């Protein structure tokens, strides 16, 4: 079984050491195993879980919901329906965010095209002004 140092986990996940400690303290991570010297040693399972946490965090899931998801996961298979419901609700919020971003992107692209048109007109006027 592969084990990882906190530094390796930071590099792999992008979470800071402080964030990893915080997540462990609040129960988002299960207690991390330690070696004989008391240093944290993460497992593949921990890295997989942190990947899910990263996904949820990056898509805007509040910590309280992530904690609920973590607890449901720990509680066993009888909570799968509840996990599906929690993730499906989050998915609906993510989809709404994506739709809003698409609308905003359309507005940005419109403005880019508008400015390009302004530049084309300006370039055309400058060329005709310098022609003999």
C-alpha atoms as a PDB file:
ATOM      1  CA  UNK A   1       0.000   0.000   0.000  1.00  0.00           C
ATOM      2  CA  UNK A   2       1.383   3.389  -0.998  1.00  0.00           C
ATOM      3  CA  UNK A   3       1.696   6.105   1.612  1.00  0.00           C
ATOM      4  CA  UNK A   4       2.251   9.790   1.041  1.00  0.00           C
ATOM      5  CA  UNK A   5       3.789  12.526   3.125  1.00  0.00           C
ATOM      6  CA  UNK A   6       1.858  15.725   3.719  1.00  0.00           C
ATOM      7  CA  UNK A   7       4.170  17.489   1.261  1.00  0.00           C
ATOM      8  CA  UNK A   8       3.390  14.963  -1.436  1.00  0.00           C
ATOM      9  CA  UNK A   9      -0.332  15.344  -0.761  1.00  0.00           C
ATOM     10  CA  UNK A  10      -0.040  19.130  -1.008  1.00  0.00           C
ATOM     11  CA  UNK A  11       1.673  18.732  -4.371  1.00  0.00           C
ATOM     12  CA  UNK A  12      -0.838  16.153  -5.594  1.00  0.00           C
ATOM     13  CA  UNK A  13      -4.033  17.888  -4.442  1.00  0.00           C
ATOM     14  CA  UNK A  14      -3.169  21.576  -4.415  1.00  0.00           C
ATOM     15  CA  UNK A  15      -4.493  21.906  -0.866  1.00  0.00           C
ATOM     16  CA  UNK A  16      -2.223  23.690   1.602  1.00  0.00           C
ATOM     17  CA  UNK A  17      -0.950  21.956   4.734  1.00  0.00           C
ATOM     18  CA  UNK A  18      -3.151  24.264   6.795  1.00  0.00           C
ATOM     19  CA  UNK A  19      -6.199  23.255   4.753  1.00  0.00           C
ATOM     20  CA  UNK A  20      -5.408  19.556   5.167  1.00  0.00           C
ATOM     21  CA  UNK A  21      -5.057  20.019   8.936  1.00  0.00           C
ATOM     22  CA  UNK A  22      -8.296  22.017   9.026  1.00  0.00           C
ATOM     23  CA  UNK A  23     -10.183  19.379   7.044  1.00  0.00           C
ATOM     24  CA  UNK A  24      -8.926  16.708   9.414  1.00  0.00           C
ATOM     25  CA  UNK A  25      -9.804  18.793  12.498  1.00  0.00           C
ATOM     26  CA  UNK A  26     -13.398  19.456  11.398  1.00  0.00           C
ATOM     27  CA  UNK A  27     -13.957  15.850  10.310  1.00  0.00           C
ATOM     28  CA  UNK A  28     -14.021  16.319   6.560  1.00  0.00           C
ATOM     29  CA  UNK A  29     -11.063  13.936   6.481  1.00  0.00           C
ATOM     30  CA  UNK A  30     -10.982  10.880   8.661  1.00  0.00           C
ATOM     31  CA  UNK A  31      -8.092  10.933  11.132  1.00  0.00           C
ATOM     32  CA  UNK A  32      -4.881  10.474   9.160  1.00  0.00           C
ATOM     33  CA  UNK A  33      -2.587   7.604  10.105  1.00  0.00           C
ATOM     34  CA  UNK A  34       0.772   8.509  11.561  1.00  0.00           C
ATOM     35  CA  UNK A  35       4.117   6.773  11.466  1.00  0.00           C
ATOM     36  CA  UNK A  36       6.153   5.885  14.565  1.00  0.00           C
ATOM     37  CA  UNK A  37       7.543   9.429  14.680  1.00  0.00           C
ATOM     38  CA  UNK A  38       4.023  10.879  14.681  1.00  0.00           C
ATOM     39  CA  UNK A  39       4.191  12.220  11.133  1.00  0.00           C
ATOM     40  CA  UNK A  40       1.019  12.053   9.057  1.00  0.00           C
ATOM     41  CA  UNK A  41       0.971   9.432   6.315  1.00  0.00           C
ATOM     42  CA  UNK A  42      -1.812   9.603   3.749  1.00  0.00           C
ATOM     43  CA  UNK A  43      -3.092   6.606   1.796  1.00  0.00           C
ATOM     44  CA  UNK A  44      -4.454   6.195  -1.719  1.00  0.00           C
ATOM     45  CA  UNK A  45      -7.895   6.208  -0.125  1.00  0.00           C
ATOM     46  CA  UNK A  46      -7.154   9.591   1.479  1.00  0.00           C
ATOM     47  CA  UNK A  47      -5.970  10.976  -1.868  1.00  0.00           C
ATOM     48  CA  UNK A  48      -9.109   9.696  -3.596  1.00  0.00           C
ATOM     49  CA  UNK A  49     -11.291  11.305  -0.955  1.00  0.00           C
ATOM     50  CA  UNK A  50      -9.372  14.579  -1.244  1.00  0.00           C
ATOM     51  CA  UNK A  51      -9.955  14.478  -5.005  1.00  0.00           C
ATOM     52  CA  UNK A  52     -13.697  14.352  -4.344  1.00  0.00           C
ATOM     53  CA  UNK A  53     -13.411  17.129  -1.768  1.00  0.00           C
ATOM     54  CA  UNK A  54     -11.500  19.231  -4.319  1.00  0.00           C
ATOM     55  CA  UNK A  55     -14.246  18.667  -6.874  1.00  0.00           C
ATOM     56  CA  UNK A  56     -16.989  19.617  -4.431  1.00  0.00           C
ATOM     57  CA  UNK A  57     -15.102  22.659  -3.156  1.00  0.00           C
ATOM     58  CA  UNK A  58     -14.184  23.898  -6.623  1.00  0.00           C
ATOM     59  CA  UNK A  59     -17.812  23.648  -7.695  1.00  0.00           C
ATOM     60  CA  UNK A  60     -18.983  25.707  -4.737  1.00  0.00           C
ATOM     61  CA  UNK A  61     -20.366  23.159  -2.301  1.00  0.00           C
ATOM     62  CA  UNK A  62     -20.475  24.691   1.185  1.00  0.00           C
ATOM     63  CA  UNK A  63     -18.340  23.063   3.895  1.00  0.00           C
ATOM     64  CA  UNK A  64     -21.467  22.104   5.854  1.00  0.00           C
ATOM     65  CA  UNK A  65     -22.732  20.073   2.888  1.00  0.00           C
ATOM     66  CA  UNK A  66     -19.323  18.497   2.355  1.00  0.00           C
ATOM     67  CA  UNK A  67     -19.339  17.491   6.025  1.00  0.00           C
ATOM     68  CA  UNK A  68     -22.818  16.010   5.590  1.00  0.00           C
ATOM     69  CA  UNK A  69     -21.606  14.067   2.542  1.00  0.00           C
ATOM     70  CA  UNK A  70     -18.553  12.832   4.477  1.00  0.00           C
ATOM     71  CA  UNK A  71     -20.716  11.679   7.369  1.00  0.00           C
ATOM     72  CA  UNK A  72     -23.155   9.925   5.055  1.00  0.00           C
ATOM     73  CA  UNK A  73     -20.247   8.163   3.376  1.00  0.00           C
ATOM     74  CA  UNK A  74     -18.882   7.006   6.720  1.00  0.00           C
ATOM     75  CA  UNK A  75     -22.311   5.838   7.839  1.00  0.00           C
ATOM     76  CA  UNK A  76     -22.355   3.102   5.219  1.00  0.00           C
ATOM     77  CA  UNK A  77     -24.247   1.839   2.222  1.00  0.00           C
ATOM     78  CA  UNK A  78     -27.690   2.458   3.709  1.00  0.00           C
ATOM     79  CA  UNK A  79     -27.051   6.198   3.102  1.00  0.00           C
ATOM     80  CA  UNK A  80     -26.499   5.906  -0.639  1.00  0.00           C
ATOM     81  CA  UNK A  81     -29.934   7.331  -1.485  1.00  0.00           C
ATOM     82  CA  UNK A  82     -29.208  10.345   0.752  1.00  0.00           C
ATOM     83  CA  UNK A  83     -25.810  10.805  -0.906  1.00  0.00           C
ATOM     84  CA  UNK A  84     -27.417  10.706  -4.337  1.00  0.00           C
ATOM     85  CA  UNK A  85     -29.947  13.334  -3.253  1.00  0.00           C
ATOM     86  CA  UNK A  86     -27.251  15.607  -1.817  1.00  0.00           C
ATOM     87  CA  UNK A  87     -25.056  15.295  -4.915  1.00  0.00           C
ATOM     88  CA  UNK A  88     -28.001  15.696  -7.295  1.00  0.00           C
ATOM     89  CA  UNK A  89     -28.990  18.958  -5.600  1.00  0.00           C
ATOM     90  CA  UNK A  90     -25.408  20.177  -5.858  1.00  0.00           C
ATOM     91  CA  UNK A  91     -25.336  19.120  -9.507  1.00  0.00           C
ATOM     92  CA  UNK A  92     -28.437  21.242 -10.169  1.00  0.00           C
ATOM     93  CA  UNK A  93     -26.704  24.265  -8.616  1.00  0.00           C
ATOM     94  CA  UNK A  94     -23.570  23.617 -10.677  1.00  0.00           C
ATOM     95  CA  UNK A  95     -25.665  23.366 -13.847  1.00  0.00           C
ATOM     96  CA  UNK A  96     -27.305  26.708 -13.036  1.00  0.00           C
ATOM     97  CA  UNK A  97     -23.851  28.242 -12.504  1.00  0.00           C
ATOM     98  CA  UNK A  98     -22.667  26.846 -15.828  1.00  0.00           C
ATOM     99  CA  UNK A  99     -25.731  28.259 -17.601  1.00  0.00           C
ATOM    100  CA  UNK A 100     -25.109  31.673 -16.055  1.00  0.00           C
ATOM    101  CA  UNK A 101     -21.443  31.516 -17.050  1.00  0.00           C
ATOM    102  CA  UNK A 102     -22.463  30.656 -20.609  1.00  0.00           C
ATOM    103  CA  UNK A 103     -24.722  33.724 -20.723  1.00  0.00           C
ATOM    104  CA  UNK A 104     -21.951  35.891 -19.333  1.00  0.00           C
ATOM    105  CA  UNK A 105     -19.473  34.440 -21.801  1.00  0.00           C
ATOM    106  CA  UNK A 106     -21.826  35.324 -24.642  1.00  0.00           C
ATOM    107  CA  UNK A 107     -21.893  38.932 -23.398  1.00  0.00           C
ATOM    108  CA  UNK A 108     -18.088  38.983 -23.191  1.00  0.00           C
ATOM    109  CA  UNK A 109     -17.749  37.566 -26.700  1.00  0.00           C
ATOM    110  CA  UNK A 110     -20.200  40.173 -27.997  1.00  0.00           C
ATOM    111  CA  UNK A 111     -18.074  42.923 -26.423  1.00  0.00           C
ATOM    112  CA  UNK A 112     -14.876  41.443 -27.910  1.00  0.00           C
ATOM    113  CA  UNK A 113     -16.478  41.428 -31.358  1.00  0.00           C
ATOM    114  CA  UNK A 114     -17.725  44.985 -30.856  1.00  0.00           C
ATOM    115  CA  UNK A 115     -14.224  46.205 -29.927  1.00  0.00           C
ATOM    116  CA  UNK A 116     -12.718  44.362 -32.887  1.00  0.00           C
ATOM    117  CA  UNK A 117     -15.204  46.172 -35.101  1.00  0.00           C
ATOM    118  CA  UNK A 118     -14.175  49.489 -33.581  1.00  0.00           C
ATOM    119  CA  UNK A 119     -10.523  48.671 -34.238  1.00  0.00           C
ATOM    120  CA  UNK A 120     -11.314  47.730 -37.850  1.00  0.00           C
ATOM    121  CA  UNK A 121     -13.140  51.015 -38.405  1.00  0.00           C
ATOM    122  CA  UNK A 122     -10.356  52.987 -36.752  1.00  0.00           C
ATOM    123  CA  UNK A 123      -7.679  51.192 -38.769  1.00  0.00           C
ATOM    124  CA  UNK A 124      -9.645  51.826 -41.962  1.00  0.00           C
ATOM    125  CA  UNK A 125      -9.991  55.527 -41.192  1.00  0.00           C
ATOM    126  CA  UNK A 126      -6.300  55.884 -40.386  1.00  0.00           C
ATOM    127  CA  UNK A 127      -5.326  54.203 -43.642  1.00  0.00           C
ATOM    128  CA  UNK A 128      -7.559  56.448 -45.740  1.00  0.00           C
ATOM    129  CA  UNK A 129      -6.304  59.557 -43.933  1.00  0.00           C
ATOM    130  CA  UNK A 130      -2.702  58.760 -44.817  1.00  0.00           C
ATOM    131  CA  UNK A 131      -3.342  57.909 -48.492  1.00  0.00           C
ATOM    132  CA  UNK A 132      -2.255  60.551 -51.011  1.00  0.00           C
END
